[in-house]
Protein backbone atom coordinates (compact mmCIF):
# COMPACT_ATOMS: atom_id res chain seq x y z
CA MET A 1 25.66 5.82 -2.11
CA LYS A 2 24.32 2.27 -1.89
CA ALA A 3 21.23 1.28 -3.90
CA ILE A 4 19.54 -1.78 -5.38
CA VAL A 5 19.74 -1.04 -9.10
CA LEU A 6 18.22 -3.46 -11.59
CA ASP A 7 20.14 -3.75 -14.85
CA ALA A 8 17.80 -6.60 -15.81
CA PHE A 9 14.72 -8.26 -14.34
CA VAL A 10 15.43 -11.17 -12.01
CA THR A 11 13.91 -14.61 -11.51
CA ASP A 12 15.59 -15.19 -8.16
CA LEU A 13 14.98 -12.44 -5.60
CA SER A 14 18.07 -13.58 -3.71
CA SER A 15 20.20 -12.21 -6.54
CA LEU A 16 19.23 -8.63 -5.65
CA THR A 17 22.24 -6.82 -4.18
CA ALA A 18 23.07 -3.30 -3.06
CA THR A 19 25.82 -1.73 -5.13
CA GLU A 20 27.48 1.68 -5.39
CA ALA A 21 25.39 4.15 -7.37
CA PRO A 22 25.67 7.88 -8.10
CA LEU A 23 23.94 10.26 -5.73
CA PRO A 24 20.59 11.13 -7.39
CA LYS A 25 20.42 14.58 -8.95
CA PRO A 26 17.22 16.63 -8.95
CA TRP A 27 15.54 16.46 -12.35
CA GLN A 28 13.34 19.51 -11.69
CA PRO A 29 14.06 22.77 -9.84
CA ALA A 30 11.48 21.85 -7.15
CA ASP A 31 12.97 18.41 -6.41
CA VAL A 32 13.96 17.63 -2.83
CA LEU A 33 16.83 15.32 -1.85
CA ILE A 34 15.92 12.86 0.92
CA ARG A 35 18.22 10.76 3.07
CA ILE A 36 16.15 7.57 3.29
CA THR A 37 15.83 5.97 6.71
CA HIS A 38 13.11 3.41 5.96
CA ALA A 39 11.57 1.69 2.93
CA SER A 40 8.61 -0.65 2.70
CA ILE A 41 8.25 -3.92 0.82
CA THR A 42 5.11 -4.25 -1.28
CA HIS A 43 3.86 -6.86 -3.72
CA VAL A 44 4.35 -4.29 -6.48
CA ASP A 45 8.07 -4.21 -5.66
CA VAL A 46 8.21 -8.01 -6.05
CA LEU A 47 6.47 -7.80 -9.43
CA TYR A 48 8.72 -4.93 -10.55
CA ALA A 49 11.82 -6.96 -9.71
CA ARG A 50 10.56 -9.90 -11.77
CA GLY A 51 9.26 -7.74 -14.65
CA LEU A 52 5.70 -8.99 -14.13
CA HIS A 53 3.93 -5.68 -13.47
CA GLN A 54 2.00 -3.85 -16.22
CA ASN A 55 4.23 -0.80 -15.65
CA ASN A 56 7.26 -2.87 -16.67
CA ARG A 57 5.98 -2.68 -20.24
CA ARG A 58 6.14 1.12 -20.23
CA HIS A 59 8.03 3.38 -17.84
CA THR A 60 9.61 0.93 -15.37
CA LYS A 61 12.28 -0.76 -17.46
CA PRO A 62 15.91 -1.53 -16.53
CA PRO A 63 18.04 0.13 -15.49
CA PHE A 64 16.11 1.49 -12.49
CA THR A 65 16.41 1.61 -8.71
CA LEU A 66 13.87 -0.67 -7.03
CA GLY A 67 11.47 0.36 -4.23
CA LEU A 68 8.39 2.58 -4.14
CA GLU A 69 7.66 3.78 -0.59
CA PHE A 70 10.06 5.49 1.79
CA SER A 71 10.47 7.80 4.73
CA GLY A 72 13.45 9.88 5.69
CA ILE A 73 14.98 13.26 6.38
CA VAL A 74 15.34 16.18 3.98
CA ALA A 75 19.01 16.57 3.06
CA GLN A 76 18.73 19.37 0.46
CA SER A 77 15.87 21.50 -0.80
CA PRO A 78 15.43 24.59 -3.01
CA ALA A 79 15.26 27.96 -1.28
CA PHE A 80 11.57 28.29 -2.21
CA SER A 81 10.62 24.81 -0.91
CA ALA A 82 8.18 24.26 1.96
CA TYR A 83 10.65 21.66 3.27
CA ARG A 84 13.94 22.45 4.98
CA PRO A 85 16.95 20.22 5.70
CA GLY A 86 16.20 18.12 8.78
CA ASP A 87 12.45 17.86 8.15
CA ARG A 88 10.97 14.35 8.60
CA VAL A 89 8.99 13.27 5.53
CA PHE A 90 7.53 10.25 3.74
CA GLY A 91 6.42 9.59 0.19
CA SER A 92 6.09 7.27 -2.80
CA ALA A 93 8.42 7.31 -5.78
CA LEU A 94 10.48 4.79 -7.71
CA GLY A 95 13.96 4.44 -6.23
CA ALA A 96 13.25 3.85 -2.53
CA TYR A 97 15.76 1.00 -2.02
CA ALA A 98 18.65 3.41 -1.76
CA GLU A 99 20.34 5.70 0.72
CA TYR A 100 19.11 8.83 -1.08
CA ILE A 101 16.26 9.76 -3.39
CA ALA A 102 15.43 13.01 -5.22
CA VAL A 103 11.69 13.60 -5.69
CA PRO A 104 9.31 16.43 -6.59
CA GLU A 105 8.10 18.28 -3.50
CA LYS A 106 4.47 17.43 -4.34
CA LEU A 107 5.18 13.73 -3.69
CA LEU A 108 6.22 14.34 -0.08
CA ARG A 109 4.24 14.63 3.16
CA ARG A 110 5.38 15.55 6.64
CA VAL A 111 5.42 12.72 9.17
CA PRO A 112 2.13 12.97 11.16
CA ARG A 113 2.22 13.93 14.83
CA GLY A 114 2.86 10.93 17.03
CA TYR A 115 4.39 8.90 14.18
CA GLY A 116 7.95 7.72 13.87
CA LEU A 117 9.63 7.47 10.49
CA ARG A 118 9.07 3.69 10.48
CA GLU A 119 5.33 4.11 11.05
CA ALA A 120 5.04 6.86 8.44
CA CYS A 121 6.69 4.57 5.91
CA ALA A 122 4.13 1.86 6.73
CA LEU A 123 1.29 4.31 6.13
CA GLY A 124 2.72 5.29 2.75
CA ALA A 125 0.08 5.71 0.06
CA SER A 126 -2.11 2.90 1.42
CA GLY A 127 -4.43 5.38 3.09
CA CYS A 128 -4.90 7.25 -0.19
CA VAL A 129 -5.80 4.04 -2.03
CA ALA A 130 -8.41 3.18 0.61
CA VAL A 131 -9.92 6.64 1.01
CA ALA A 132 -10.15 7.35 -2.72
CA SER A 133 -11.46 3.93 -3.76
CA LEU A 134 -13.88 3.34 -0.89
CA MET A 135 -15.19 6.85 -0.32
CA GLY A 136 -14.43 8.74 -3.53
CA GLU A 137 -16.77 9.72 -6.35
CA ARG A 138 -14.74 7.59 -8.76
CA GLY A 139 -14.83 4.63 -6.38
CA ALA A 140 -17.46 2.77 -4.37
CA ARG A 141 -19.03 5.87 -2.76
CA LEU A 142 -19.32 3.99 0.51
CA ARG A 143 -22.20 5.10 2.73
CA ARG A 144 -22.55 4.89 6.51
CA GLY A 145 -24.29 1.69 7.55
CA GLU A 146 -23.16 -0.32 4.51
CA SER A 147 -21.02 -3.47 4.78
CA VAL A 148 -17.51 -3.92 3.40
CA LEU A 149 -15.55 -7.13 2.87
CA VAL A 150 -11.77 -6.61 2.75
CA LEU A 151 -9.77 -9.37 1.05
CA GLY A 152 -6.17 -9.67 2.18
CA ALA A 153 -7.27 -7.80 5.30
CA ALA A 154 -3.95 -8.33 7.11
CA GLY A 155 -1.86 -6.99 4.21
CA GLY A 156 -0.39 -3.51 3.85
CA LEU A 157 -3.38 -2.23 1.87
CA GLY A 158 -5.93 -4.32 3.77
CA VAL A 159 -5.18 -3.15 7.32
CA ILE A 160 -5.61 0.48 6.30
CA ALA A 161 -8.76 -0.23 4.24
CA CYS A 162 -10.34 -1.91 7.28
CA GLN A 163 -9.72 1.22 9.35
CA VAL A 164 -10.92 3.64 6.66
CA ALA A 165 -14.15 1.66 6.16
CA LYS A 166 -14.77 1.58 9.93
CA ALA A 167 -14.16 5.33 10.18
CA ALA A 168 -16.73 5.82 7.40
CA GLY A 169 -19.32 4.02 9.54
CA ALA A 170 -19.39 0.72 7.68
CA ARG A 171 -19.60 -2.80 9.04
CA VAL A 172 -16.27 -4.41 8.14
CA ILE A 173 -15.42 -8.07 7.61
CA GLY A 174 -11.81 -9.03 6.92
CA VAL A 175 -10.65 -12.14 5.07
CA VAL A 176 -7.38 -13.71 6.26
CA GLY A 177 -5.57 -17.05 5.99
CA SER A 178 -3.86 -17.72 9.33
CA LYS A 179 -4.35 -17.47 13.09
CA GLU A 180 -1.65 -14.82 13.37
CA LYS A 181 -3.27 -12.64 10.72
CA GLU A 182 -6.67 -13.22 12.29
CA ARG A 183 -5.26 -11.84 15.56
CA VAL A 184 -3.92 -8.75 13.78
CA VAL A 185 -7.21 -7.98 12.03
CA ARG A 186 -9.40 -8.65 15.08
CA GLY A 187 -7.16 -6.16 16.87
CA LEU A 188 -8.51 -3.53 14.47
CA GLY A 189 -12.04 -4.23 15.72
CA VAL A 190 -13.02 -6.11 12.56
CA GLU A 191 -14.99 -9.33 12.08
CA VAL A 192 -12.94 -12.09 10.46
CA VAL A 193 -13.53 -14.94 8.00
CA ARG A 194 -10.77 -17.40 7.17
CA TYR A 195 -10.31 -18.14 3.48
CA ASP A 196 -8.55 -21.40 4.35
CA SER A 197 -11.90 -22.62 5.68
CA PRO A 198 -14.02 -24.53 3.08
CA GLY A 199 -16.94 -22.54 1.72
CA TRP A 200 -15.76 -19.25 3.20
CA GLU A 201 -17.81 -17.18 0.75
CA GLY A 202 -20.97 -18.80 2.18
CA LYS A 203 -19.86 -17.81 5.67
CA VAL A 204 -19.64 -14.19 4.52
CA ARG A 205 -23.19 -14.36 3.19
CA ALA A 206 -24.39 -16.05 6.39
CA LEU A 207 -22.87 -13.26 8.51
CA THR A 208 -24.72 -10.62 6.48
CA ARG A 209 -28.06 -12.42 6.17
CA ASP A 210 -31.08 -10.68 7.70
CA GLY A 211 -34.85 -10.89 7.61
CA GLU A 212 -35.16 -8.76 4.49
CA ASP A 213 -32.29 -10.42 2.61
CA GLU A 214 -32.19 -14.19 3.05
CA GLU A 215 -29.39 -14.53 0.49
CA GLY A 216 -27.04 -12.19 2.33
CA GLY A 217 -23.93 -10.52 0.97
CA VAL A 218 -21.93 -7.34 1.49
CA ASP A 219 -22.41 -4.02 -0.24
CA VAL A 220 -18.75 -3.56 -1.19
CA VAL A 221 -15.71 -5.83 -1.61
CA TYR A 222 -12.25 -4.27 -1.44
CA ASP A 223 -9.99 -6.61 -3.42
CA PRO A 224 -6.22 -5.99 -3.53
CA VAL A 225 -5.62 -9.74 -3.93
CA GLY A 226 -7.07 -10.53 -7.35
CA ASN A 227 -10.05 -12.73 -6.49
CA VAL A 228 -12.96 -11.10 -8.30
CA GLU A 229 -14.82 -14.38 -8.76
CA SER A 230 -15.04 -14.94 -4.99
CA SER A 231 -15.85 -11.26 -4.53
CA LEU A 232 -18.88 -11.65 -6.79
CA ARG A 233 -20.03 -14.60 -4.67
CA CYS A 234 -19.82 -12.43 -1.55
CA ILE A 235 -21.73 -9.32 -2.65
CA LYS A 236 -25.45 -8.77 -2.43
CA TYR A 237 -27.49 -8.07 -5.55
CA GLY A 238 -26.36 -4.73 -6.95
CA GLY A 239 -23.17 -4.72 -4.88
CA ARG A 240 -19.81 -3.20 -5.84
CA VAL A 241 -16.43 -4.87 -6.25
CA LEU A 242 -13.34 -2.66 -6.02
CA VAL A 243 -10.42 -4.14 -7.96
CA ILE A 244 -7.33 -2.64 -6.31
CA GLY A 245 -4.58 -5.05 -7.33
CA TYR A 246 -3.42 -8.63 -7.83
CA ALA A 247 -1.13 -9.30 -4.86
CA GLY A 248 -2.19 -12.94 -4.65
CA ARG A 249 -1.77 -13.82 -8.32
CA HIS A 250 2.03 -13.57 -8.84
CA GLY A 251 1.56 -11.71 -12.11
CA VAL A 252 -1.00 -14.15 -13.61
CA MET A 253 -4.29 -12.38 -14.26
CA GLU A 254 -7.69 -13.84 -13.33
CA GLN A 255 -10.24 -14.63 -16.05
CA ILE A 256 -13.87 -13.92 -15.03
CA PRO A 257 -17.01 -15.16 -16.84
CA ALA A 258 -18.91 -11.94 -17.57
CA ASN A 259 -22.29 -13.55 -16.84
CA LYS A 260 -21.40 -13.63 -13.13
CA ILE A 261 -21.31 -9.84 -13.15
CA LEU A 262 -24.68 -9.78 -14.92
CA LEU A 263 -26.37 -12.23 -12.54
CA LYS A 264 -25.56 -10.06 -9.51
CA SER A 265 -26.18 -6.79 -11.38
CA ALA A 266 -22.77 -5.94 -9.97
CA LYS A 267 -20.56 -2.94 -10.43
CA VAL A 268 -16.89 -3.88 -10.86
CA ILE A 269 -14.71 -0.82 -10.37
CA GLY A 270 -11.00 -0.77 -11.11
CA TYR A 271 -8.99 1.74 -9.13
CA ARG A 272 -5.38 2.89 -9.69
CA TRP A 273 -4.15 5.50 -7.22
CA GLY A 274 -1.03 6.37 -9.22
CA GLU A 275 -2.95 7.01 -12.43
CA HIS A 276 -5.65 8.87 -10.50
CA GLY A 277 -3.01 11.26 -9.16
CA ARG A 278 -1.54 11.85 -12.60
CA ARG A 279 -4.92 12.55 -14.23
CA PHE A 280 -6.66 14.35 -11.36
CA PRO A 281 -3.98 16.03 -9.23
CA GLN A 282 -6.40 18.35 -7.43
CA GLU A 283 -8.55 15.40 -6.37
CA ALA A 284 -5.44 13.56 -5.22
CA GLU A 285 -4.45 16.51 -3.01
CA LYS A 286 -7.87 16.40 -1.32
CA VAL A 287 -7.46 12.67 -0.73
CA TRP A 288 -4.06 13.24 0.84
CA ASP A 289 -5.53 15.96 3.07
CA LYS A 290 -8.20 13.52 4.27
CA VAL A 291 -5.67 10.77 4.95
CA MET A 292 -3.41 13.11 6.91
CA GLU A 293 -6.40 14.31 8.94
CA MET A 294 -7.38 10.71 9.73
CA ALA A 295 -3.80 9.91 10.72
CA GLU A 296 -3.52 12.96 12.97
CA ILE A 297 -6.70 12.11 14.91
CA GLY A 298 -5.94 8.39 15.07
CA GLU A 299 -8.70 7.07 12.79
CA VAL A 300 -6.03 5.21 10.81
CA LYS A 301 -2.86 3.77 12.29
CA PRO A 302 -0.07 1.95 10.44
CA VAL A 303 0.50 -1.72 11.18
CA VAL A 304 4.16 -2.76 11.00
CA TYR A 305 5.23 -6.40 10.66
CA ASP A 306 7.21 -7.31 13.77
CA LYS A 307 10.11 -8.98 11.97
CA GLU A 308 13.18 -6.75 11.87
CA TYR A 309 14.97 -6.04 8.58
CA LYS A 310 18.14 -3.95 8.73
CA GLY A 311 20.05 -2.56 5.79
CA LEU A 312 19.55 -2.82 2.04
CA GLU A 313 21.08 -6.31 2.13
CA SER A 314 17.92 -7.50 3.94
CA VAL A 315 15.64 -6.50 1.03
CA PRO A 316 15.72 -9.96 -0.66
CA ARG A 317 14.82 -11.71 2.61
CA ALA A 318 11.95 -9.29 3.25
CA MET A 319 10.70 -9.67 -0.33
CA HIS A 320 10.68 -13.45 0.05
CA ASP A 321 8.60 -13.09 3.24
CA VAL A 322 6.12 -10.79 1.50
CA GLU A 323 5.88 -13.02 -1.58
CA ALA A 324 5.25 -16.06 0.64
CA ASN A 325 2.49 -14.16 2.51
CA LYS A 326 4.33 -14.49 5.82
CA ALA A 327 4.23 -10.78 6.56
CA TRP A 328 1.22 -8.85 7.85
CA GLY A 329 0.82 -5.09 7.73
CA ARG A 330 3.87 -3.55 6.10
CA ALA A 331 7.31 -5.13 6.16
CA ILE A 332 9.72 -2.23 6.74
CA ILE A 333 13.44 -2.05 5.99
CA THR A 334 15.52 0.16 8.27
CA ILE A 335 18.17 1.69 6.01
CA ALA A 336 19.57 4.26 8.44
CA ASN A 337 19.10 5.34 12.04
CA GLU A 338 17.39 8.73 12.36
CA GLY A 339 19.71 9.99 15.09
CA GLU A 340 22.82 9.00 13.18
CA VAL A 341 21.53 10.68 10.04
CA LEU A 342 20.86 13.95 11.82
CA GLU A 343 24.31 13.83 13.41
CA GLU A 344 25.88 13.05 10.02
CA MET A 345 24.03 15.99 8.43
CA SER A 346 25.14 18.37 11.16
CA LYS A 347 28.80 17.53 10.52
CA SER A 348 28.90 17.65 6.74
CA LYS A 349 27.31 19.18 3.70
CA LEU A 350 26.42 17.25 0.56
């Protein structure tokens, strides 16, 4: 099969190439083999390729196959599996930039009704991150009627967080940096503030000012960008800042004066979905159930970047677009056509 395998971290994303690799073998008896049709490009993938992610110091070291989120069709499964060959699934696991991936059954979900494989890939685990961090007991515990500011609102995590917060009954304000991204976020029914406008944090406070609170500020900031200092300027006294990631920092971590947390009596909450799932698998299953319910009834809908990327050879170009913040929603690579895969599977056995 073809796959993008890293034998060493790269400095130039253009050097990433698809090469021949062995077909993945199930590591556990319950593993399911998936023929990948689509894979998404995330900022984590960019950091992984460059060796700038914290996981690169531990379990994500070369050699490894790049890519974290995928959708596709079950090619092989154990006799006792809930999935059968031909089932349409999506999931998150290292090794998505390849034609095949073998993953534990527990990491897979069926494609929701009304979704194509491309849309399911765009949903990925983003809904879980938003639901667990915004609504969960270990997160912000968002309440109906509160206000939420979403940084990077047009990004893959941001567009889903906006929808989850709205579904929870919150007032949502999204922060974006271009007219095109403003259009995307307003299309979700969300108020918008442009961070390329001087003094944008003051505009957030002005939007949320009322008779009882002349200072203004939101109750919760959802920050997948890595801008905690601005987040603290935007919350009201006693507000909560959710630190989700550092997509805007290119691997360089922000340094925050601790007195700014004290002055706002703020709660700064770090949230890692992957670690949450490893430590609290039963909680993670409930989160997944909630996300799938929201997807089925249309409370959350994936947003797919409208630029087309075909084949594994387009991964470097897509990664450049994501790194340069050109993309909105999820940039999706089409690795294989669903119809062709099903026809291929009907004619041969792996």
